Amino acid sequence: MTDKHEHNPETSPVHRFGYELRRRRLSAHLTQEGLAEKIGYSGGLVSMVETGRRMPKADFAQRVDDQLQLNGVLLRMWDECRADGVQLWFIPWLEAELKATTLHSWQHSLVPGLLQTPDYARTLFQGEPQFQRSKLDQAVTARLDRQTIFEREDPPMMWAVLDEVVLQRPIGGASVMRKQLEHLVTMSDHPCIAIQIVPFEAACTPGLLGAFILANVQGQDVAYLESANEGKVIASPEDVRNLRTRYDAIRIHALPQAGSKQLIKEWAQKWMS
């Protein structure tokens, strides 16, 4: 019988690392707690790494590799995780995203990464002036891999609030936009995803200062702020509270979910003409 917590190793480098860790641990006849005791980490952390819900750190990979005498196997896999089209500064947020129970996102210009189609994501990466074209496919795959959190047995609940301009901005042209908006309609039917649109006429000034996303991790809120060069993870309680207040002020202006879904459909139709 397949372990219900076992993830598909083909999903992403993080899941491949977890799959291999579990396989090697079982071959050594060790429990998660047993391995944890030998390497100086908690059994809970071993479990989260094995199920792809935590990015392994170099020290963790080194200790496991040494303990199980793997001759660098896990260290090489850790390098794959680190180079998986994800910037190093983004890894702390990726870890928070993997462990989050709730996500509250505000986007005033683009579709959130967790809701993007491959072509939409590809267009965004191609538009980056200094982006390395050789890493394009890898970057797109890494972004799509993040979306697998909604395929878990215990997916996070996500509330995504978007400005109506997101539906209008021609990222990649009409065909890409139509498919992206159709994807939003489909994702809005997911039991753990709520999408709301702030219409033009709302004149929502609190949302003009930038995009951000809030994640609740083990009862604590952390935030991710987007910027032109790189994002920033914020854990300061006061700063996070201020962002949550701003999010609530923005969401007041949003259409209900049914009205938002209808507006997305209308814009998808416009992209067909």
Protein backbone atom coordinates (compact mmCIF):
# COMPACT_ATOMS: atom_id res chain seq x y z
CA MET A 1 0.00 0.00 0.00
CA THR A 2 1.30 3.45 -0.88
CA ASP A 3 1.99 5.75 2.06
CA LYS A 4 -0.61 8.54 1.86
CA HIS A 5 2.08 11.06 2.73
CA GLU A 6 4.41 9.96 -0.05
CA HIS A 7 4.69 12.54 -2.82
CA ASN A 8 5.39 12.01 -6.49
CA PRO A 9 9.18 12.37 -6.90
CA GLU A 10 8.65 13.77 -10.40
CA THR A 11 6.80 16.82 -9.07
CA SER A 12 9.83 18.97 -8.26
CA PRO A 13 13.43 18.78 -6.98
CA VAL A 14 12.14 19.43 -3.45
CA HIS A 15 9.84 16.42 -3.67
CA ARG A 16 12.58 14.33 -5.26
CA PHE A 17 14.86 15.19 -2.35
CA GLY A 18 12.13 14.21 0.11
CA TYR A 19 11.41 10.97 -1.72
CA GLU A 20 15.09 9.99 -1.76
CA LEU A 21 15.52 10.95 1.89
CA ARG A 22 12.62 8.71 2.87
CA ARG A 23 13.89 5.84 0.72
CA ARG A 24 17.40 6.02 2.18
CA ARG A 25 16.08 6.36 5.73
CA LEU A 26 13.92 3.26 5.38
CA SER A 27 16.83 1.36 3.85
CA ALA A 28 18.81 2.21 6.98
CA HIS A 29 15.92 0.87 9.12
CA LEU A 30 15.45 4.21 10.84
CA THR A 31 12.27 5.96 11.89
CA GLN A 32 11.91 9.68 11.31
CA GLU A 33 12.53 10.26 15.00
CA GLY A 34 15.49 7.90 14.95
CA LEU A 35 17.16 9.75 12.08
CA ALA A 36 16.33 13.10 13.64
CA GLU A 37 18.04 12.14 16.88
CA LYS A 38 21.20 11.12 15.05
CA ILE A 39 21.49 14.34 13.02
CA GLY A 40 20.37 16.81 15.67
CA TYR A 41 17.09 17.89 14.08
CA SER A 42 13.46 17.25 14.99
CA GLY A 43 11.38 14.36 13.71
CA GLY A 44 8.81 16.91 12.57
CA LEU A 45 11.36 18.55 10.31
CA VAL A 46 12.37 15.21 8.80
CA SER A 47 8.69 14.52 8.09
CA MET A 48 8.15 17.90 6.44
CA VAL A 49 11.23 17.51 4.24
CA GLU A 50 10.19 14.00 3.21
CA THR A 51 6.73 15.20 2.17
CA GLY A 52 8.04 18.19 0.24
CA ARG A 53 6.63 20.75 2.65
CA ARG A 54 9.98 22.15 3.69
CA MET A 55 12.98 23.20 1.66
CA PRO A 56 16.02 21.31 3.00
CA LYS A 57 18.96 23.40 4.16
CA ALA A 58 22.57 22.63 3.32
CA ASP A 59 23.42 21.65 6.90
CA PHE A 60 20.48 19.25 7.04
CA ALA A 61 21.48 17.63 3.75
CA GLN A 62 25.11 17.36 4.87
CA ARG A 63 24.25 15.72 8.20
CA VAL A 64 21.90 13.18 6.65
CA ASP A 65 24.37 12.42 3.89
CA ASP A 66 27.13 11.84 6.45
CA GLN A 67 24.95 9.80 8.80
CA LEU A 68 23.66 7.49 6.08
CA GLN A 69 27.03 7.41 4.27
CA LEU A 70 25.56 8.47 0.94
CA ASN A 71 28.76 9.87 -0.58
CA GLY A 72 27.22 13.22 -1.50
CA VAL A 73 23.97 11.95 -3.06
CA LEU A 74 21.72 14.21 -0.98
CA LEU A 75 24.10 17.15 -1.26
CA ARG A 76 23.90 16.97 -5.05
CA MET A 77 20.12 16.79 -4.83
CA TRP A 78 20.16 19.79 -2.50
CA ASP A 79 22.07 21.71 -5.18
CA GLU A 80 19.27 20.83 -7.61
CA CYS A 81 16.71 22.22 -5.16
CA ARG A 82 18.69 25.43 -4.80
CA ALA A 83 19.11 25.84 -8.56
CA ASP A 84 15.52 24.98 -9.43
CA GLY A 85 14.75 28.26 -11.18
CA VAL A 86 14.24 29.91 -7.78
CA GLN A 87 16.29 32.89 -6.65
CA LEU A 88 18.02 32.36 -3.30
CA TRP A 89 16.29 35.37 -1.78
CA PHE A 90 12.93 33.76 -2.58
CA ILE A 91 13.61 30.50 -0.72
CA PRO A 92 12.49 31.78 2.74
CA TRP A 93 9.12 32.70 1.25
CA LEU A 94 8.87 29.39 -0.59
CA GLU A 95 9.35 27.61 2.73
CA ALA A 96 6.57 29.71 4.29
CA GLU A 97 4.31 28.99 1.33
CA LEU A 98 4.87 25.25 1.65
CA LYS A 99 3.89 25.29 5.34
CA ALA A 100 1.07 27.85 5.17
CA THR A 101 -2.47 27.01 6.20
CA THR A 102 -3.89 30.24 4.74
CA LEU A 103 -2.72 32.69 2.07
CA HIS A 104 -4.10 36.19 1.48
CA SER A 105 -2.85 37.76 -1.75
CA TRP A 106 -3.26 41.24 -3.24
CA GLN A 107 -2.16 41.91 -6.82
CA HIS A 108 -2.69 45.23 -8.57
CA SER A 109 -0.86 44.49 -11.82
CA LEU A 110 -0.34 40.76 -12.49
CA VAL A 111 -1.93 37.38 -11.84
CA PRO A 112 -0.38 35.82 -8.69
CA GLY A 113 2.26 33.18 -9.38
CA LEU A 114 0.15 30.49 -7.70
CA LEU A 115 -2.59 31.07 -10.29
CA GLN A 116 -0.55 31.61 -13.46
CA THR A 117 -0.65 29.48 -16.60
CA PRO A 118 2.63 28.28 -18.16
CA ASP A 119 2.41 30.73 -21.09
CA TYR A 120 1.59 33.68 -18.84
CA ALA A 121 4.53 32.87 -16.56
CA ARG A 122 6.83 32.34 -19.54
CA THR A 123 5.91 35.76 -20.95
CA LEU A 124 6.72 37.44 -17.64
CA PHE A 125 10.13 35.78 -17.38
CA GLN A 126 10.93 36.62 -21.01
CA GLY A 127 10.19 40.26 -20.29
CA GLU A 128 12.80 40.52 -17.54
CA PRO A 129 15.73 42.56 -18.99
CA GLN A 130 18.50 40.58 -17.27
CA PHE A 131 16.84 37.17 -17.20
CA GLN A 132 19.03 34.29 -18.38
CA ARG A 133 17.20 32.73 -21.32
CA SER A 134 18.93 29.40 -20.69
CA LYS A 135 16.98 29.11 -17.42
CA LEU A 136 13.56 29.96 -18.88
CA ASP A 137 12.06 26.47 -18.87
CA GLN A 138 13.49 25.80 -15.42
CA ALA A 139 12.00 29.01 -14.03
CA VAL A 140 8.56 28.30 -15.50
CA THR A 141 8.61 24.77 -14.11
CA ALA A 142 9.61 26.04 -10.67
CA ARG A 143 6.72 28.50 -10.65
CA LEU A 144 4.23 25.82 -11.66
CA ASP A 145 5.66 23.45 -9.04
CA ARG A 146 4.59 25.93 -6.37
CA GLN A 147 0.99 25.38 -7.42
CA THR A 148 1.10 21.74 -6.33
CA ILE A 149 0.34 22.89 -2.77
CA PHE A 150 -3.30 22.89 -3.86
CA GLU A 151 -3.06 19.18 -4.73
CA ARG A 152 -2.14 18.16 -1.19
CA GLU A 153 -4.52 16.33 1.10
CA ASP A 154 -4.46 19.42 3.31
CA PRO A 155 -4.11 22.36 0.89
CA PRO A 156 -3.95 25.91 2.20
CA MET A 157 -6.94 28.19 1.83
CA MET A 158 -6.11 31.05 -0.52
CA TRP A 159 -7.93 34.35 -0.85
CA ALA A 160 -6.68 36.16 -3.96
CA VAL A 161 -7.79 39.75 -4.50
CA LEU A 162 -6.90 41.25 -7.90
CA ASP A 163 -7.36 44.68 -9.42
CA GLU A 164 -9.49 44.64 -12.57
CA VAL A 165 -6.51 45.99 -14.51
CA VAL A 166 -4.92 42.54 -14.12
CA LEU A 167 -7.66 41.19 -16.40
CA GLN A 168 -7.00 43.90 -18.98
CA ARG A 169 -3.20 44.07 -19.20
CA PRO A 170 -2.15 42.22 -22.42
CA ILE A 171 0.51 39.88 -21.06
CA GLY A 172 1.56 37.66 -23.97
CA GLY A 173 -1.28 38.74 -26.26
CA ALA A 174 -4.93 37.83 -26.65
CA SER A 175 -4.56 34.04 -26.71
CA VAL A 176 -2.38 33.92 -23.59
CA MET A 177 -4.73 36.27 -21.73
CA ARG A 178 -7.86 34.38 -22.71
CA LYS A 179 -6.41 31.09 -21.48
CA GLN A 180 -5.12 32.75 -18.31
CA LEU A 181 -8.53 34.19 -17.46
CA GLU A 182 -10.23 30.89 -18.26
CA HIS A 183 -7.76 29.30 -15.85
CA LEU A 184 -8.76 31.81 -13.16
CA VAL A 185 -12.39 30.85 -13.68
CA THR A 186 -11.47 27.18 -13.28
CA MET A 187 -9.34 27.82 -10.20
CA SER A 188 -12.15 29.84 -8.62
CA ASP A 189 -14.12 26.57 -8.44
CA HIS A 190 -11.42 24.99 -6.26
CA PRO A 191 -12.83 24.56 -2.75
CA CYS A 192 -9.72 26.15 -1.23
CA ILE A 193 -9.36 29.14 -3.57
CA ALA A 194 -11.41 32.34 -3.46
CA ILE A 195 -10.81 34.97 -6.16
CA GLN A 196 -12.23 38.48 -5.91
CA ILE A 197 -11.81 41.44 -8.26
CA VAL A 198 -11.58 45.09 -7.27
CA PRO A 199 -13.39 46.93 -10.12
CA PHE A 200 -12.05 50.09 -11.76
CA GLU A 201 -14.79 52.27 -10.34
CA ALA A 202 -13.89 51.33 -6.77
CA ALA A 203 -11.02 53.87 -6.73
CA CYS A 204 -9.22 51.66 -4.22
CA THR A 205 -6.29 53.83 -3.10
CA PRO A 206 -4.94 51.44 -0.38
CA GLY A 207 -4.03 48.98 -3.13
CA LEU A 208 -1.91 51.37 -5.17
CA LEU A 209 1.20 51.01 -3.02
CA GLY A 210 2.16 47.54 -4.22
CA ALA A 211 1.43 43.83 -4.26
CA PHE A 212 1.90 41.54 -1.28
CA ILE A 213 0.84 38.19 0.15
CA LEU A 214 0.27 37.07 3.72
CA ALA A 215 0.80 33.51 4.93
CA ASN A 216 -0.24 31.98 8.22
CA VAL A 217 2.39 29.47 9.32
CA GLN A 218 1.83 27.58 12.56
CA GLY A 219 -0.40 30.34 13.89
CA GLN A 220 2.00 33.15 12.96
CA ASP A 221 1.59 35.52 10.01
CA VAL A 222 4.46 36.37 7.68
CA ALA A 223 4.34 38.53 4.57
CA TYR A 224 6.03 38.77 1.20
CA LEU A 225 6.39 42.15 -0.47
CA GLU A 226 7.11 42.37 -4.18
CA SER A 227 9.53 44.91 -5.66
CA ALA A 228 11.28 45.64 -8.94
CA ASN A 229 14.50 43.77 -8.12
CA GLU A 230 13.67 41.20 -5.48
CA GLY A 231 10.99 40.46 -2.95
CA LYS A 232 11.22 40.74 0.79
CA VAL A 233 9.92 38.44 3.52
CA ILE A 234 8.57 40.31 6.55
CA ALA A 235 8.01 38.68 9.93
CA SER A 236 7.80 41.76 12.18
CA PRO A 237 4.41 41.52 13.98
CA GLU A 238 3.78 45.26 13.62
CA ASP A 239 4.61 45.34 9.91
CA VAL A 240 2.53 42.24 9.24
CA ARG A 241 -0.43 43.73 11.14
CA ASN A 242 -0.19 46.88 9.05
CA LEU A 243 -0.27 44.82 5.86
CA ARG A 244 -3.23 42.81 7.13
CA THR A 245 -5.08 46.06 7.83
CA ARG A 246 -4.25 47.24 4.31
CA TYR A 247 -5.45 43.93 2.87
CA ASP A 248 -8.77 44.22 4.69
CA ALA A 249 -9.14 47.81 3.45
CA ILE A 250 -8.57 46.63 -0.13
CA ARG A 251 -10.89 43.64 0.10
CA ILE A 252 -13.77 45.87 1.21
CA HIS A 253 -13.77 47.30 -2.33
CA ALA A 254 -13.82 43.87 -4.04
CA LEU A 255 -16.80 42.31 -5.75
CA PRO A 256 -18.30 39.15 -4.19
CA GLN A 257 -16.91 35.89 -5.55
CA ALA A 258 -19.83 35.29 -7.92
CA GLY A 259 -19.63 38.81 -9.34
CA SER A 260 -15.86 38.52 -9.64
CA LYS A 261 -16.15 35.25 -11.54
CA GLN A 262 -18.63 36.82 -13.95
CA LEU A 263 -16.32 39.78 -14.54
CA ILE A 264 -13.40 37.45 -15.28
CA LYS A 265 -15.58 35.59 -17.80
CA GLU A 266 -16.54 38.86 -19.48
CA TRP A 267 -12.92 39.88 -19.89
CA ALA A 268 -12.04 36.42 -21.20
CA GLN A 269 -14.72 36.89 -23.86
CA LYS A 270 -13.28 40.29 -24.78
CA TRP A 271 -9.89 38.67 -25.36
CA MET A 272 -11.52 36.39 -27.93
CA SER A 273 -12.58 39.30 -30.14
